[in-house]
Amino acid sequence: FVAAISTSGGRTAYADSVKGRFTISRDNAKNTVYLQM
């Protein structure tokens, strides 16, 4: 597991090893989820 995001994007969770360095986000209008590393 690396990262998770809720349906609206309002909640996120990360593995301890990536906290502070990785960011998960989503754009529901584009049906796309992102992982910034």
Full PDB file with SEQRES, HELIX, SHEET, SSBOND, CRYST1, ORIGX, SCALE, CONECT and MASTER records, all heavy atoms in Angstrom:
SEQRES   1 A   37  PHE VAL ALA ALA ILE SER THR SER GLY GLY ARG THR ALA          
SEQRES   2 A   37  TYR ALA ASP SER VAL LYS GLY ARG PHE THR ILE SER ARG          
SEQRES   3 A   37  ASP ASN ALA LYS ASN THR VAL TYR LEU GLN MET                  
HELIX    1 AA1 ASP A   16  VAL A   18  5                                   3    
SHEET    1 AA1 2 ALA A   3  ILE A   5  0                                        
SHEET    2 AA1 2 THR A  12  TYR A  14 -1                                        
SHEET    1 AA2 2 THR A  23  ASP A  27  0                                        
SHEET    2 AA2 2 THR A  32  GLN A  36 -1                                        
CRYST1    1.000    1.000    1.000  90.00  90.00  90.00 P 1           1          
ORIGX1      1.000000  0.000000  0.000000        0.00000                         
ORIGX2      0.000000  1.000000  0.000000        0.00000                         
ORIGX3      0.000000  0.000000  1.000000        0.00000                         
SCALE1      1.000000  0.000000  0.000000        0.00000                         
SCALE2      0.000000  1.000000  0.000000        0.00000                         
SCALE3      0.000000  0.000000  1.000000        0.00000                         
ATOM      1  N   PHE A   1       0.832  -1.199   0.000  1.00  0.00           N  
ATOM      2  CA  PHE A   1       0.000   0.000   0.000  1.00  0.00           C  
ATOM      3  C   PHE A   1       0.868   1.252   0.000  1.00  0.00           C  
ATOM      4  O   PHE A   1       1.859   1.335   0.733  1.00  0.00           O  
ATOM      5  CB  PHE A   1      -0.906  -0.003   1.226  1.00  0.00           C  
ATOM      6  CG  PHE A   1      -1.593   1.314   1.487  1.00  0.00           C  
ATOM      7  CD1 PHE A   1      -2.638   1.722   0.683  1.00  0.00           C  
ATOM      8  CD2 PHE A   1      -1.179   2.134   2.520  1.00  0.00           C  
ATOM      9  CE1 PHE A   1      -3.268   2.938   0.910  1.00  0.00           C  
ATOM     10  CE2 PHE A   1      -1.802   3.341   2.770  1.00  0.00           C  
ATOM     11  CZ  PHE A   1      -2.849   3.746   1.963  1.00  0.00           C  
ATOM     12  N   VAL A   2       0.473   2.232  -0.799  1.00  0.00           N  
ATOM     13  CA  VAL A   2       1.179   3.504  -0.857  1.00  0.00           C  
ATOM     14  C   VAL A   2       0.288   4.645  -0.385  1.00  0.00           C  
ATOM     15  O   VAL A   2       0.650   5.392   0.516  1.00  0.00           O  
ATOM     16  CB  VAL A   2       1.690   3.798  -2.283  1.00  0.00           C  
ATOM     17  CG1 VAL A   2       2.349   5.176  -2.341  1.00  0.00           C  
ATOM     18  CG2 VAL A   2       2.670   2.726  -2.740  1.00  0.00           C  
ATOM     19  N   ALA A   3      -0.884   4.779  -1.007  1.00  0.00           N  
ATOM     20  CA  ALA A   3      -1.757   5.908  -0.679  1.00  0.00           C  
ATOM     21  C   ALA A   3      -3.191   5.581  -1.073  1.00  0.00           C  
ATOM     22  O   ALA A   3      -3.422   4.780  -1.976  1.00  0.00           O  
ATOM     23  CB  ALA A   3      -1.304   7.172  -1.389  1.00  0.00           C  
ATOM     24  N   ALA A   4      -4.143   6.217  -0.390  1.00  0.00           N  
ATOM     25  CA  ALA A   4      -5.562   6.029  -0.685  1.00  0.00           C  
ATOM     26  C   ALA A   4      -6.272   7.368  -0.604  1.00  0.00           C  
ATOM     27  O   ALA A   4      -5.843   8.269   0.132  1.00  0.00           O  
ATOM     28  CB  ALA A   4      -6.186   5.039   0.283  1.00  0.00           C  
ATOM     29  N   ILE A   5      -7.375   7.461  -1.343  1.00  0.00           N  
ATOM     30  CA  ILE A   5      -8.161   8.686  -1.332  1.00  0.00           C  
ATOM     31  C   ILE A   5      -9.637   8.320  -1.370  1.00  0.00           C  
ATOM     32  O   ILE A   5     -10.033   7.338  -2.016  1.00  0.00           O  
ATOM     33  CB  ILE A   5      -7.752   9.585  -2.523  1.00  0.00           C  
ATOM     34  CG1 ILE A   5      -8.371  10.981  -2.394  1.00  0.00           C  
ATOM     35  CG2 ILE A   5      -8.103   8.940  -3.867  1.00  0.00           C  
ATOM     36  CD1 ILE A   5      -7.739  12.006  -3.318  1.00  0.00           C  
ATOM     37  N   SER A   6     -10.439   9.098  -0.674  1.00  0.00           N  
ATOM     38  CA  SER A   6     -11.872   8.832  -0.602  1.00  0.00           C  
ATOM     39  C   SER A   6     -12.570   9.309  -1.866  1.00  0.00           C  
ATOM     40  O   SER A   6     -11.969   9.934  -2.736  1.00  0.00           O  
ATOM     41  CB  SER A   6     -12.455   9.517   0.625  1.00  0.00           C  
ATOM     42  OG  SER A   6     -12.302  10.929   0.521  1.00  0.00           O  
ATOM     43  N   THR A   7     -13.851   9.033  -1.948  1.00  0.00           N  
ATOM     44  CA  THR A   7     -14.608   9.321  -3.168  1.00  0.00           C  
ATOM     45  C   THR A   7     -14.570  10.793  -3.565  1.00  0.00           C  
ATOM     46  O   THR A   7     -14.437  11.117  -4.744  1.00  0.00           O  
ATOM     47  CB  THR A   7     -16.066   8.876  -3.011  1.00  0.00           C  
ATOM     48  OG1 THR A   7     -16.589   9.453  -1.804  1.00  0.00           O  
ATOM     49  CG2 THR A   7     -16.187   7.360  -2.943  1.00  0.00           C  
ATOM     50  N   SER A   8     -14.672  11.674  -2.598  1.00  0.00           N  
ATOM     51  CA  SER A   8     -14.679  13.110  -2.920  1.00  0.00           C  
ATOM     52  C   SER A   8     -13.271  13.699  -2.964  1.00  0.00           C  
ATOM     53  O   SER A   8     -13.079  14.820  -3.443  1.00  0.00           O  
ATOM     54  CB  SER A   8     -15.486  13.882  -1.882  1.00  0.00           C  
ATOM     55  OG  SER A   8     -14.783  13.938  -0.649  1.00  0.00           O  
ATOM     56  N   GLY A   9     -12.307  12.955  -2.423  1.00  0.00           N  
ATOM     57  CA  GLY A   9     -10.960  13.490  -2.295  1.00  0.00           C  
ATOM     58  C   GLY A   9     -10.721  14.185  -0.967  1.00  0.00           C  
ATOM     59  O   GLY A   9      -9.627  14.666  -0.700  1.00  0.00           O  
ATOM     60  N   GLY A  10     -11.731  14.197  -0.122  1.00  0.00           N  
ATOM     61  CA  GLY A  10     -11.620  14.917   1.128  1.00  0.00           C  
ATOM     62  C   GLY A  10     -10.796  14.222   2.186  1.00  0.00           C  
ATOM     63  O   GLY A  10     -10.355  14.853   3.156  1.00  0.00           O  
ATOM     64  N   ARG A  11     -10.611  12.927   2.033  1.00  0.00           N  
ATOM     65  CA  ARG A  11      -9.802  12.163   2.988  1.00  0.00           C  
ATOM     66  C   ARG A  11      -8.717  11.415   2.243  1.00  0.00           C  
ATOM     67  O   ARG A  11      -8.953  10.888   1.152  1.00  0.00           O  
ATOM     68  CB  ARG A  11     -10.663  11.168   3.759  1.00  0.00           C  
ATOM     69  CG  ARG A  11     -11.760  11.799   4.618  1.00  0.00           C  
ATOM     70  CD  ARG A  11     -12.495  10.708   5.370  1.00  0.00           C  
ATOM     71  NE  ARG A  11     -11.620  10.095   6.378  1.00  0.00           N  
ATOM     72  CZ  ARG A  11     -11.694   8.812   6.726  1.00  0.00           C  
ATOM     73  NH1 ARG A  11     -12.555   8.008   6.152  1.00  0.00           N  
ATOM     74  NH2 ARG A  11     -10.902   8.342   7.661  1.00  0.00           N  
ATOM     75  N   THR A  12      -7.536  11.355   2.841  1.00  0.00           N  
ATOM     76  CA  THR A  12      -6.415  10.627   2.258  1.00  0.00           C  
ATOM     77  C   THR A  12      -5.691   9.835   3.342  1.00  0.00           C  
ATOM     78  O   THR A  12      -5.799  10.148   4.542  1.00  0.00           O  
ATOM     79  CB  THR A  12      -5.406  11.572   1.577  1.00  0.00           C  
ATOM     80  OG1 THR A  12      -4.949  12.534   2.538  1.00  0.00           O  
ATOM     81  CG2 THR A  12      -6.031  12.290   0.389  1.00  0.00           C  
ATOM     82  N   ALA A  13      -4.955   8.827   2.897  1.00  0.00           N  
ATOM     83  CA  ALA A  13      -4.132   8.031   3.816  1.00  0.00           C  
ATOM     84  C   ALA A  13      -2.856   7.642   3.087  1.00  0.00           C  
ATOM     85  O   ALA A  13      -2.863   7.469   1.858  1.00  0.00           O  
ATOM     86  CB  ALA A  13      -4.883   6.787   4.275  1.00  0.00           C  
ATOM     87  N   TYR A  14      -1.781   7.498   3.857  1.00  0.00           N  
ATOM     88  CA  TYR A  14      -0.483   7.194   3.264  1.00  0.00           C  
ATOM     89  C   TYR A  14       0.250   6.138   4.084  1.00  0.00           C  
ATOM     90  O   TYR A  14       0.090   6.063   5.311  1.00  0.00           O  
ATOM     91  CB  TYR A  14       0.394   8.449   3.211  1.00  0.00           C  
ATOM     92  CG  TYR A  14      -0.173   9.542   2.347  1.00  0.00           C  
ATOM     93  CD1 TYR A  14      -0.978  10.530   2.899  1.00  0.00           C  
ATOM     94  CD2 TYR A  14       0.093   9.586   0.984  1.00  0.00           C  
ATOM     95  CE1 TYR A  14      -1.514  11.539   2.106  1.00  0.00           C  
ATOM     96  CE2 TYR A  14      -0.432  10.588   0.187  1.00  0.00           C  
ATOM     97  CZ  TYR A  14      -1.235  11.561   0.755  1.00  0.00           C  
ATOM     98  OH  TYR A  14      -1.767  12.546  -0.034  1.00  0.00           O  
ATOM     99  N   ALA A  15       1.078   5.378   3.406  1.00  0.00           N  
ATOM    100  CA  ALA A  15       2.024   4.523   4.104  1.00  0.00           C  
ATOM    101  C   ALA A  15       3.012   5.418   4.838  1.00  0.00           C  
ATOM    102  O   ALA A  15       3.352   6.511   4.368  1.00  0.00           O  
ATOM    103  CB  ALA A  15       2.761   3.629   3.112  1.00  0.00           C  
ATOM    104  N   ASP A  16       3.467   4.959   5.989  1.00  0.00           N  
ATOM    105  CA  ASP A  16       4.390   5.775   6.787  1.00  0.00           C  
ATOM    106  C   ASP A  16       5.628   6.169   5.991  1.00  0.00           C  
ATOM    107  O   ASP A  16       6.161   7.269   6.156  1.00  0.00           O  
ATOM    108  CB  ASP A  16       4.804   5.002   8.046  1.00  0.00           C  
ATOM    109  CG  ASP A  16       3.684   4.918   9.067  1.00  0.00           C  
ATOM    110  OD1 ASP A  16       2.710   5.689   8.950  1.00  0.00           O  
ATOM    111  OD2 ASP A  16       3.779   4.058   9.961  1.00  0.00           O  
ATOM    112  N   SER A  17       6.085   5.282   5.129  1.00  0.00           N  
ATOM    113  CA  SER A  17       7.331   5.511   4.403  1.00  0.00           C  
ATOM    114  C   SER A  17       7.239   6.644   3.381  1.00  0.00           C  
ATOM    115  O   SER A  17       8.270   7.159   2.942  1.00  0.00           O  
ATOM    116  CB  SER A  17       7.766   4.230   3.695  1.00  0.00           C  
ATOM    117  OG  SER A  17       6.776   3.819   2.779  1.00  0.00           O  
ATOM    118  N   VAL A  18       6.026   7.037   3.008  1.00  0.00           N  
ATOM    119  CA  VAL A  18       5.882   8.079   1.974  1.00  0.00           C  
ATOM    120  C   VAL A  18       5.241   9.357   2.498  1.00  0.00           C  
ATOM    121  O   VAL A  18       5.130  10.336   1.761  1.00  0.00           O  
ATOM    122  CB  VAL A  18       5.070   7.560   0.765  1.00  0.00           C  
ATOM    123  CG1 VAL A  18       5.662   6.256   0.233  1.00  0.00           C  
ATOM    124  CG2 VAL A  18       3.598   7.388   1.098  1.00  0.00           C  
ATOM    125  N   LYS A  19       4.829   9.352   3.746  1.00  0.00           N  
ATOM    126  CA  LYS A  19       4.187  10.544   4.315  1.00  0.00           C  
ATOM    127  C   LYS A  19       5.108  11.750   4.205  1.00  0.00           C  
ATOM    128  O   LYS A  19       6.296  11.672   4.517  1.00  0.00           O  
ATOM    129  CB  LYS A  19       3.827  10.302   5.782  1.00  0.00           C  
ATOM    130  CG  LYS A  19       2.573   9.480   5.982  1.00  0.00           C  
ATOM    131  CD  LYS A  19       2.281   9.288   7.462  1.00  0.00           C  
ATOM    132  CE  LYS A  19       1.042   8.419   7.663  1.00  0.00           C  
ATOM    133  NZ  LYS A  19       0.794   8.136   9.096  1.00  0.00           N  
ATOM    134  N   GLY A  20       4.539  12.852   3.763  1.00  0.00           N  
ATOM    135  CA  GLY A  20       5.308  14.083   3.618  1.00  0.00           C  
ATOM    136  C   GLY A  20       6.029  14.209   2.288  1.00  0.00           C  
ATOM    137  O   GLY A  20       6.533  15.285   1.955  1.00  0.00           O  
ATOM    138  N   ARG A  21       6.087  13.119   1.513  1.00  0.00           N  
ATOM    139  CA  ARG A  21       6.763  13.159   0.207  1.00  0.00           C  
ATOM    140  C   ARG A  21       5.809  12.875  -0.948  1.00  0.00           C  
ATOM    141  O   ARG A  21       6.009  13.395  -2.048  1.00  0.00           O  
ATOM    142  CB  ARG A  21       7.916  12.157   0.186  1.00  0.00           C  
ATOM    143  CG  ARG A  21       9.000  12.406   1.206  1.00  0.00           C  
ATOM    144  CD  ARG A  21      10.169  11.439   1.017  1.00  0.00           C  
ATOM    145  NE  ARG A  21       9.761  10.051   1.219  1.00  0.00           N  
ATOM    146  CZ  ARG A  21       9.773   9.121   0.256  1.00  0.00           C  
ATOM    147  NH1 ARG A  21      10.218   9.414  -0.948  1.00  0.00           N  
ATOM    148  NH2 ARG A  21       9.384   7.882   0.529  1.00  0.00           N  
ATOM    149  N   PHE A  22       4.819  12.051  -0.730  1.00  0.00           N  
ATOM    150  CA  PHE A  22       3.859  11.692  -1.772  1.00  0.00           C  
ATOM    151  C   PHE A  22       2.519  12.359  -1.482  1.00  0.00           C  
ATOM    152  O   PHE A  22       2.123  12.520  -0.321  1.00  0.00           O  
ATOM    153  CB  PHE A  22       3.647  10.174  -1.815  1.00  0.00           C  
ATOM    154  CG  PHE A  22       4.796   9.378  -2.368  1.00  0.00           C  
ATOM    155  CD1 PHE A  22       6.074   9.928  -2.489  1.00  0.00           C  
ATOM    156  CD2 PHE A  22       4.607   8.063  -2.749  1.00  0.00           C  
ATOM    157  CE1 PHE A  22       7.132   9.184  -2.988  1.00  0.00           C  
ATOM    158  CE2 PHE A  22       5.645   7.304  -3.254  1.00  0.00           C  
ATOM    159  CZ  PHE A  22       6.907   7.874  -3.364  1.00  0.00           C  
ATOM    160  N   THR A  23       1.810  12.703  -2.552  1.00  0.00           N  
ATOM    161  CA  THR A  23       0.484  13.292  -2.422  1.00  0.00           C  
ATOM    162  C   THR A  23      -0.458  12.637  -3.420  1.00  0.00           C  
ATOM    163  O   THR A  23      -0.186  12.638  -4.630  1.00  0.00           O  
ATOM    164  CB  THR A  23       0.516  14.803  -2.678  1.00  0.00           C  
ATOM    165  OG1 THR A  23       1.445  15.426  -1.792  1.00  0.00           O  
ATOM    166  CG2 THR A  23      -0.866  15.405  -2.458  1.00  0.00           C  
ATOM    167  N   ILE A  24      -1.563  12.100  -2.907  1.00  0.00           N  
ATOM    168  CA  ILE A  24      -2.582  11.527  -3.779  1.00  0.00           C  
ATOM    169  C   ILE A  24      -3.694  12.548  -3.958  1.00  0.00           C  
ATOM    170  O   ILE A  24      -4.047  13.276  -3.019  1.00  0.00           O  
ATOM    171  CB  ILE A  24      -3.133  10.194  -3.203  1.00  0.00           C  
ATOM    172  CG1 ILE A  24      -4.064   9.519  -4.202  1.00  0.00           C  
ATOM    173  CG2 ILE A  24      -3.800  10.414  -1.854  1.00  0.00           C  
ATOM    174  CD1 ILE A  24      -4.471   8.099  -3.785  1.00  0.00           C  
ATOM    175  N   SER A  25      -4.228  12.620  -5.156  1.00  0.00           N  
ATOM    176  CA  SER A  25      -5.335  13.542  -5.430  1.00  0.00           C  
ATOM    177  C   SER A  25      -6.194  12.939  -6.534  1.00  0.00           C  
ATOM    178  O   SER A  25      -5.794  11.962  -7.175  1.00  0.00           O  
ATOM    179  CB  SER A  25      -4.815  14.927  -5.847  1.00  0.00           C  
ATOM    180  OG  SER A  25      -4.037  14.838  -7.035  1.00  0.00           O  
ATOM    181  N   ARG A  26      -7.358  13.512  -6.753  1.00  0.00           N  
ATOM    182  CA  ARG A  26      -8.239  13.006  -7.800  1.00  0.00           C  
ATOM    183  C   ARG A  26      -9.014  14.153  -8.408  1.00  0.00           C  
ATOM    184  O   ARG A  26      -9.265  15.177  -7.766  1.00  0.00           O  
ATOM    185  CB  ARG A  26      -9.194  11.942  -7.254  1.00  0.00           C  
ATOM    186  CG  ARG A  26     -10.188  12.441  -6.228  1.00  0.00           C  
ATOM    187  CD  ARG A  26     -10.942  11.272  -5.588  1.00  0.00           C  
ATOM    188  NE  ARG A  26     -11.777  10.564  -6.542  1.00  0.00           N  
ATOM    189  CZ  ARG A  26     -12.251   9.335  -6.343  1.00  0.00           C  
ATOM    190  NH1 ARG A  26     -11.956   8.682  -5.236  1.00  0.00           N  
ATOM    191  NH2 ARG A  26     -13.027   8.766  -7.245  1.00  0.00           N  
ATOM    192  N   ASP A  27      -9.400  13.955  -9.652  1.00  0.00           N  
ATOM    193  CA  ASP A  27     -10.247  14.898 -10.365  1.00  0.00           C  
ATOM    194  C   ASP A  27     -11.443  14.103 -10.873  1.00  0.00           C  
ATOM    195  O   ASP A  27     -11.335  13.381 -11.876  1.00  0.00           O  
ATOM    196  CB  ASP A  27      -9.473  15.542 -11.521  1.00  0.00           C  
ATOM    197  CG  ASP A  27     -10.258  16.626 -12.227  1.00  0.00           C  
ATOM    198  OD1 ASP A  27     -11.506  16.615 -12.157  1.00  0.00           O  
ATOM    199  OD2 ASP A  27      -9.629  17.471 -12.874  1.00  0.00           O  
ATOM    200  N   ASN A  28     -12.554  14.204 -10.193  1.00  0.00           N  
ATOM    201  CA  ASN A  28     -13.727  13.399 -10.553  1.00  0.00           C  
ATOM    202  C   ASN A  28     -14.314  13.810 -11.901  1.00  0.00           C  
ATOM    203  O   ASN A  28     -14.970  13.011 -12.564  1.00  0.00           O  
ATOM    204  CB  ASN A  28     -14.773  13.467  -9.451  1.00  0.00           C  
ATOM    205  CG  ASN A  28     -14.392  12.624  -8.251  1.00  0.00           C  
ATOM    206  OD1 ASN A  28     -13.440  11.835  -8.297  1.00  0.00           O  
ATOM    207  ND2 ASN A  28     -15.119  12.792  -7.148  1.00  0.00           N  
ATOM    208  N   ALA A  29     -14.080  15.025 -12.307  1.00  0.00           N  
ATOM    209  CA  ALA A  29     -14.572  15.470 -13.612  1.00  0.00           C  
ATOM    210  C   ALA A  29     -13.793  14.816 -14.752  1.00  0.00           C  
ATOM    211  O   ALA A  29     -14.305  14.679 -15.862  1.00  0.00           O  
ATOM    212  CB  ALA A  29     -14.487  16.982 -13.722  1.00  0.00           C  
ATOM    213  N   LYS A  30     -12.557  14.425 -14.453  1.00  0.00           N  
ATOM    214  CA  LYS A  30     -11.708  13.808 -15.476  1.00  0.00           C  
ATOM    215  C   LYS A  30     -11.543  12.300 -15.256  1.00  0.00           C  
ATOM    216  O   LYS A  30     -10.784  11.648 -15.973  1.00  0.00           O  
ATOM    217  CB  LYS A  30     -10.331  14.473 -15.484  1.00  0.00           C  
ATOM    218  CG  LYS A  30     -10.366  15.927 -15.904  1.00  0.00           C  
ATOM    219  CD  LYS A  30      -8.961  16.514 -15.952  1.00  0.00           C  
ATOM    220  CE  LYS A  30      -8.988  17.963 -16.415  1.00  0.00           C  
ATOM    221  NZ  LYS A  30      -7.632  18.564 -16.452  1.00  0.00           N  
ATOM    222  N   ASN A  31     -12.213  11.759 -14.244  1.00  0.00           N  
ATOM    223  CA  ASN A  31     -12.092  10.322 -13.937  1.00  0.00           C  
ATOM    224  C   ASN A  31     -10.634   9.910 -13.769  1.00  0.00           C  
ATOM    225  O   ASN A  31     -10.205   8.854 -14.272  1.00  0.00           O  
ATOM    226  CB  ASN A  31     -12.742   9.473 -15.031  1.00  0.00           C  
ATOM    227  CG  ASN A  31     -14.250   9.485 -14.956  1.00  0.00           C  
ATOM    228  OD1 ASN A  31     -14.838  10.273 -14.214  1.00  0.00           O  
ATOM    229  ND2 ASN A  31     -14.886   8.649 -15.749  1.00  0.00           N  
ATOM    230  N   THR A  32      -9.879  10.715 -13.063  1.00  0.00           N  
ATOM    231  CA  THR A  32      -8.443  10.480 -12.950  1.00  0.00           C  
ATOM    232  C   THR A  32      -7.980  10.651 -11.506  1.00  0.00           C  
ATOM    233  O   THR A  32      -8.430  11.573 -10.817  1.00  0.00           O  
ATOM    234  CB  THR A  32      -7.671  11.437 -13.868  1.00  0.00           C  
ATOM    235  OG1 THR A  32      -8.103  11.250 -15.220  1.00  0.00           O  
ATOM    236  CG2 THR A  32      -6.172  11.174 -13.802  1.00  0.00           C  
ATOM    237  N   VAL A  33      -7.073   9.775 -11.101  1.00  0.00           N  
ATOM    238  CA  VAL A  33      -6.422   9.885  -9.808  1.00  0.00           C  
ATOM    239  C   VAL A  33      -4.928  10.056 -10.063  1.00  0.00           C  
ATOM    240  O   VAL A  33      -4.387   9.509 -11.032  1.00  0.00           O  
ATOM    241  CB  VAL A  33      -6.726   8.661  -8.918  1.00  0.00           C  
ATOM    242  CG1 VAL A  33      -6.197   7.368  -9.533  1.00  0.00           C  
ATOM    243  CG2 VAL A  33      -6.156   8.854  -7.514  1.00  0.00           C  
ATOM    244  N   TYR A  34      -4.290  10.827  -9.204  1.00  0.00           N  
ATOM    245  CA  TYR A  34      -2.885  11.165  -9.377  1.00  0.00           C  
ATOM    246  C   TYR A  34      -2.066  10.748  -8.154  1.00  0.00           C  
ATOM    247  O   TYR A  34      -2.600  10.653  -7.042  1.00  0.00           O  
ATOM    248  CB  TYR A  34      -2.712  12.675  -9.585  1.00  0.00           C  
ATOM    249  CG  TYR A  34      -3.534  13.238 -10.700  1.00  0.00           C  
ATOM    250  CD1 TYR A  34      -4.777  13.820 -10.450  1.00  0.00           C  
ATOM    251  CD2 TYR A  34      -3.081  13.203 -12.013  1.00  0.00           C  
ATOM    252  CE1 TYR A  34      -5.540  14.357 -11.474  1.00  0.00           C  
ATOM    253  CE2 TYR A  34      -3.841  13.730 -13.046  1.00  0.00           C  
ATOM    254  CZ  TYR A  34      -5.066  14.304 -12.765  1.00  0.00           C  
ATOM    255  OH  TYR A  34      -5.821  14.827 -13.786  1.00  0.00           O  
ATOM    256  N   LEU A  35      -0.788  10.557  -8.372  1.00  0.00           N  
ATOM    257  CA  LEU A  35       0.141  10.361  -7.276  1.00  0.00           C  
ATOM    258  C   LEU A  35       1.378  11.211  -7.552  1.00  0.00           C  
ATOM    259  O   LEU A  35       2.153  10.906  -8.460  1.00  0.00           O  
ATOM    260  CB  LEU A  35       0.539   8.895  -7.115  1.00  0.00           C  
ATOM    261  CG  LEU A  35       1.435   8.608  -5.905  1.00  0.00           C  
ATOM    262  CD1 LEU A  35       0.661   8.827  -4.599  1.00  0.00           C  
ATOM    263  CD2 LEU A  35       1.973   7.183  -5.954  1.00  0.00           C  
ATOM    264  N   GLN A  36       1.515  12.296  -6.808  1.00  0.00           N  
ATOM    265  CA  GLN A  36       2.701  13.142  -6.903  1.00  0.00           C  
ATOM    266  C   GLN A  36       3.749  12.585  -5.963  1.00  0.00           C  
ATOM    267  O   GLN A  36       3.503  12.467  -4.761  1.00  0.00           O  
ATOM    268  CB  GLN A  36       2.356  14.583  -6.519  1.00  0.00           C  
ATOM    269  CG  GLN A  36       3.544  15.528  -6.495  1.00  0.00           C  
ATOM    270  CD  GLN A  36       4.126  15.774  -7.865  1.00  0.00           C  
ATOM    271  OE1 GLN A  36       3.396  15.931  -8.832  1.00  0.00           O  
ATOM    272  NE2 GLN A  36       5.453  15.828  -7.947  1.00  0.00           N  
ATOM    273  N   MET A  37       4.899  12.243  -6.525  1.00  0.00           N  
ATOM    274  CA  MET A  37       5.966  11.633  -5.729  1.00  0.00           C  
ATOM    275  C   MET A  37       7.185  12.553  -5.744  1.00  0.00           C  
ATOM    276  O   MET A  37       7.758  12.810  -6.809  1.00  0.00           O  
ATOM    277  CB  MET A  37       6.332  10.264  -6.315  1.00  0.00           C  
ATOM    278  CG  MET A  37       5.149   9.324  -6.437  1.00  0.00           C  
ATOM    279  SD  MET A  37       5.617   7.659  -6.978  1.00  0.00           S  
ATOM    280  CE  MET A  37       6.179   7.999  -8.637  1.00  0.00           C  
TER     281      MET A  37                                                      
MASTER        0    0    0    1    4    0    0    6  280    1    0    3          
END                                                                             
